[in-house]
């Protein structure tokens, strides 16, 4: 069982608390101990121009906007991608119902392609 630790920020030399729950979270994901306090991490992230996830709140917990574990941090890159143009779609015929549809990948011969309704039905 972990206990709260007081760490010193490598940038501003301020002390900050690395809580037991944060330690558990970091250990589960194989992250190393943070070297910077939450505010220095946030300013460093802002200067890099990262927009793909939420941040780490300065209150010692996880921000409700999507910290490390709530959808937009290190593991997944959902929600960012503002520089990517519109997705190219390809015409296809559904292998199940024969309806014309568009898919976000180039269909290859010999592999089935399904419309949204048939895909959802097969997945359920």
C-alpha atoms as a PDB file:
ATOM      1  CA  UNK A   1       0.000   0.000   0.000  1.00  0.00           C
ATOM      2  CA  UNK A   2       1.393   3.355  -1.038  1.00  0.00           C
ATOM      3  CA  UNK A   3       1.386   6.470   1.117  1.00  0.00           C
ATOM      4  CA  UNK A   4       1.430  10.093  -0.030  1.00  0.00           C
ATOM      5  CA  UNK A   5       4.907  11.334  -0.978  1.00  0.00           C
ATOM      6  CA  UNK A   6       6.249  14.855  -1.131  1.00  0.00           C
ATOM      7  CA  UNK A   7       8.321  15.380  -4.259  1.00  0.00           C
ATOM      8  CA  UNK A   8      10.299  18.390  -5.482  1.00  0.00           C
ATOM      9  CA  UNK A   9       9.659  19.800  -8.950  1.00  0.00           C
ATOM     10  CA  UNK A  10      12.647  19.645 -11.313  1.00  0.00           C
ATOM     11  CA  UNK A  11      11.647  22.966 -12.918  1.00  0.00           C
ATOM     12  CA  UNK A  12      10.471  25.298 -10.142  1.00  0.00           C
ATOM     13  CA  UNK A  13      11.851  23.451  -7.078  1.00  0.00           C
ATOM     14  CA  UNK A  14       8.458  23.643  -5.343  1.00  0.00           C
ATOM     15  CA  UNK A  15       7.246  20.705  -3.286  1.00  0.00           C
ATOM     16  CA  UNK A  16       4.146  18.841  -4.439  1.00  0.00           C
ATOM     17  CA  UNK A  17       2.246  15.811  -3.179  1.00  0.00           C
ATOM     18  CA  UNK A  18       2.253  12.566  -5.133  1.00  0.00           C
ATOM     19  CA  UNK A  19      -0.778  10.875  -3.571  1.00  0.00           C
ATOM     20  CA  UNK A  20      -1.130   7.160  -2.911  1.00  0.00           C
ATOM     21  CA  UNK A  21      -3.894   6.857  -5.515  1.00  0.00           C
ATOM     22  CA  UNK A  22      -1.729   8.647  -8.089  1.00  0.00           C
ATOM     23  CA  UNK A  23       1.134   6.268  -7.282  1.00  0.00           C
ATOM     24  CA  UNK A  24      -1.163   3.283  -7.810  1.00  0.00           C
ATOM     25  CA  UNK A  25      -2.383   4.751 -11.088  1.00  0.00           C
ATOM     26  CA  UNK A  26       1.160   5.404 -12.336  1.00  0.00           C
ATOM     27  CA  UNK A  27       2.305   1.909 -11.303  1.00  0.00           C
ATOM     28  CA  UNK A  28      -0.646   0.221 -13.094  1.00  0.00           C
ATOM     29  CA  UNK A  29       0.332   1.908 -16.324  1.00  0.00           C
ATOM     30  CA  UNK A  30       4.085   1.570 -15.950  1.00  0.00           C
ATOM     31  CA  UNK A  31       4.686   5.327 -15.673  1.00  0.00           C
ATOM     32  CA  UNK A  32       7.637   6.660 -13.709  1.00  0.00           C
ATOM     33  CA  UNK A  33       7.284   9.118 -10.840  1.00  0.00           C
ATOM     34  CA  UNK A  34       6.534  12.645 -12.051  1.00  0.00           C
ATOM     35  CA  UNK A  35       9.529  14.988 -11.991  1.00  0.00           C
ATOM     36  CA  UNK A  36       7.459  18.165 -12.338  1.00  0.00           C
ATOM     37  CA  UNK A  37       4.623  19.618 -10.289  1.00  0.00           C
ATOM     38  CA  UNK A  38       1.157  19.701 -11.897  1.00  0.00           C
ATOM     39  CA  UNK A  39       1.410  23.382 -12.881  1.00  0.00           C
ATOM     40  CA  UNK A  40       4.845  22.948 -14.505  1.00  0.00           C
ATOM     41  CA  UNK A  41       3.563  19.854 -16.347  1.00  0.00           C
ATOM     42  CA  UNK A  42       0.582  21.854 -17.592  1.00  0.00           C
ATOM     43  CA  UNK A  43       2.687  24.810 -18.758  1.00  0.00           C
ATOM     44  CA  UNK A  44       5.194  22.472 -20.429  1.00  0.00           C
ATOM     45  CA  UNK A  45       2.382  20.662 -22.178  1.00  0.00           C
ATOM     46  CA  UNK A  46       0.869  23.968 -23.317  1.00  0.00           C
ATOM     47  CA  UNK A  47       4.209  25.144 -24.712  1.00  0.00           C
ATOM     48  CA  UNK A  48       4.484  21.900 -26.721  1.00  0.00           C
ATOM     49  CA  UNK A  49       1.060  22.555 -28.182  1.00  0.00           C
ATOM     50  CA  UNK A  50      -0.430  19.252 -27.004  1.00  0.00           C
ATOM     51  CA  UNK A  51      -4.169  19.348 -27.412  1.00  0.00           C
ATOM     52  CA  UNK A  52      -4.903  15.638 -27.547  1.00  0.00           C
ATOM     53  CA  UNK A  53      -5.901  15.147 -23.952  1.00  0.00           C
ATOM     54  CA  UNK A  54      -6.866  16.786 -20.769  1.00  0.00           C
ATOM     55  CA  UNK A  55      -4.346  17.743 -18.198  1.00  0.00           C
ATOM     56  CA  UNK A  56      -3.391  16.932 -14.725  1.00  0.00           C
ATOM     57  CA  UNK A  57      -5.164  19.179 -12.277  1.00  0.00           C
ATOM     58  CA  UNK A  58      -3.199  21.290  -9.846  1.00  0.00           C
ATOM     59  CA  UNK A  59      -5.495  20.205  -7.018  1.00  0.00           C
ATOM     60  CA  UNK A  60      -3.605  16.965  -6.594  1.00  0.00           C
ATOM     61  CA  UNK A  61      -6.204  14.764  -8.286  1.00  0.00           C
ATOM     62  CA  UNK A  62      -7.215  13.986 -11.793  1.00  0.00           C
ATOM     63  CA  UNK A  63      -8.970  16.674 -13.759  1.00  0.00           C
ATOM     64  CA  UNK A  64     -12.508  15.982 -14.832  1.00  0.00           C
ATOM     65  CA  UNK A  65     -11.585  17.194 -18.298  1.00  0.00           C
ATOM     66  CA  UNK A  66      -9.666  14.047 -19.148  1.00  0.00           C
ATOM     67  CA  UNK A  67      -6.534  13.484 -17.097  1.00  0.00           C
ATOM     68  CA  UNK A  68      -4.282  10.517 -17.490  1.00  0.00           C
ATOM     69  CA  UNK A  69      -6.978   7.902 -17.171  1.00  0.00           C
ATOM     70  CA  UNK A  70     -10.192   9.433 -18.408  1.00  0.00           C
ATOM     71  CA  UNK A  71     -10.003   9.197 -22.113  1.00  0.00           C
ATOM     72  CA  UNK A  72      -7.481  11.606 -23.498  1.00  0.00           C
ATOM     73  CA  UNK A  73      -4.109  11.197 -21.882  1.00  0.00           C
ATOM     74  CA  UNK A  74      -1.205   9.007 -22.739  1.00  0.00           C
ATOM     75  CA  UNK A  75      -2.927   5.842 -23.834  1.00  0.00           C
ATOM     76  CA  UNK A  76      -5.295   7.085 -26.445  1.00  0.00           C
ATOM     77  CA  UNK A  77      -5.075   9.954 -28.797  1.00  0.00           C
ATOM     78  CA  UNK A  78      -8.773  10.561 -29.281  1.00  0.00           C
ATOM     79  CA  UNK A  79     -10.191  14.022 -29.594  1.00  0.00           C
ATOM     80  CA  UNK A  80      -7.096  15.827 -30.903  1.00  0.00           C
ATOM     81  CA  UNK A  81      -6.288  15.606 -34.578  1.00  0.00           C
ATOM     82  CA  UNK A  82      -7.431  19.072 -35.618  1.00  0.00           C
ATOM     83  CA  UNK A  83      -4.841  19.195 -38.399  1.00  0.00           C
ATOM     84  CA  UNK A  84      -6.135  16.124 -40.224  1.00  0.00           C
ATOM     85  CA  UNK A  85      -8.385  16.904 -43.198  1.00  0.00           C
ATOM     86  CA  UNK A  86     -11.686  15.195 -43.943  1.00  0.00           C
ATOM     87  CA  UNK A  87     -11.514  11.415 -43.978  1.00  0.00           C
ATOM     88  CA  UNK A  88     -11.446   9.799 -47.410  1.00  0.00           C
ATOM     89  CA  UNK A  89     -14.389   7.446 -47.887  1.00  0.00           C
ATOM     90  CA  UNK A  90     -14.647   4.602 -50.401  1.00  0.00           C
ATOM     91  CA  UNK A  91     -17.766   3.247 -52.108  1.00  0.00           C
ATOM     92  CA  UNK A  92     -18.591  -0.373 -51.347  1.00  0.00           C
ATOM     93  CA  UNK A  93     -21.435  -2.874 -51.472  1.00  0.00           C
ATOM     94  CA  UNK A  94     -22.489  -4.450 -48.164  1.00  0.00           C
ATOM     95  CA  UNK A  95     -21.683  -8.172 -48.137  1.00  0.00           C
ATOM     96  CA  UNK A  96     -24.764  -8.944 -46.030  1.00  0.00           C
ATOM     97  CA  UNK A  97     -27.633  -6.885 -47.507  1.00  0.00           C
ATOM     98  CA  UNK A  98     -26.222  -5.687 -50.852  1.00  0.00           C
ATOM     99  CA  UNK A  99     -26.850  -2.019 -50.058  1.00  0.00           C
ATOM    100  CA  UNK A 100     -24.413   0.628 -51.379  1.00  0.00           C
ATOM    101  CA  UNK A 101     -22.404   2.200 -48.543  1.00  0.00           C
ATOM    102  CA  UNK A 102     -19.221   4.156 -47.885  1.00  0.00           C
ATOM    103  CA  UNK A 103     -16.395   2.929 -45.687  1.00  0.00           C
ATOM    104  CA  UNK A 104     -13.265   4.707 -44.358  1.00  0.00           C
ATOM    105  CA  UNK A 105     -10.870   2.132 -45.861  1.00  0.00           C
ATOM    106  CA  UNK A 106     -10.173   0.811 -49.352  1.00  0.00           C
ATOM    107  CA  UNK A 107     -12.064  -2.486 -49.665  1.00  0.00           C
ATOM    108  CA  UNK A 108      -9.954  -5.455 -50.740  1.00  0.00           C
ATOM    109  CA  UNK A 109     -11.286  -8.358 -52.740  1.00  0.00           C
ATOM    110  CA  UNK A 110     -12.127 -11.467 -50.783  1.00  0.00           C
ATOM    111  CA  UNK A 111     -12.856  -9.602 -47.525  1.00  0.00           C
ATOM    112  CA  UNK A 112     -16.443  -8.803 -46.523  1.00  0.00           C
ATOM    113  CA  UNK A 113     -17.548  -5.178 -46.140  1.00  0.00           C
ATOM    114  CA  UNK A 114     -20.659  -4.249 -44.175  1.00  0.00           C
ATOM    115  CA  UNK A 115     -22.894  -1.181 -44.033  1.00  0.00           C
ATOM    116  CA  UNK A 116     -23.309   0.466 -40.619  1.00  0.00           C
ATOM    117  CA  UNK A 117     -26.535  -1.391 -39.804  1.00  0.00           C
ATOM    118  CA  UNK A 118     -25.184  -4.843 -40.720  1.00  0.00           C
ATOM    119  CA  UNK A 119     -21.874  -4.155 -38.971  1.00  0.00           C
ATOM    120  CA  UNK A 120     -23.699  -3.157 -35.771  1.00  0.00           C
ATOM    121  CA  UNK A 121     -25.927  -6.233 -36.022  1.00  0.00           C
ATOM    122  CA  UNK A 122     -22.954  -8.589 -36.471  1.00  0.00           C
ATOM    123  CA  UNK A 123     -21.127  -6.944 -33.585  1.00  0.00           C
ATOM    124  CA  UNK A 124     -24.005  -7.385 -31.119  1.00  0.00           C
END
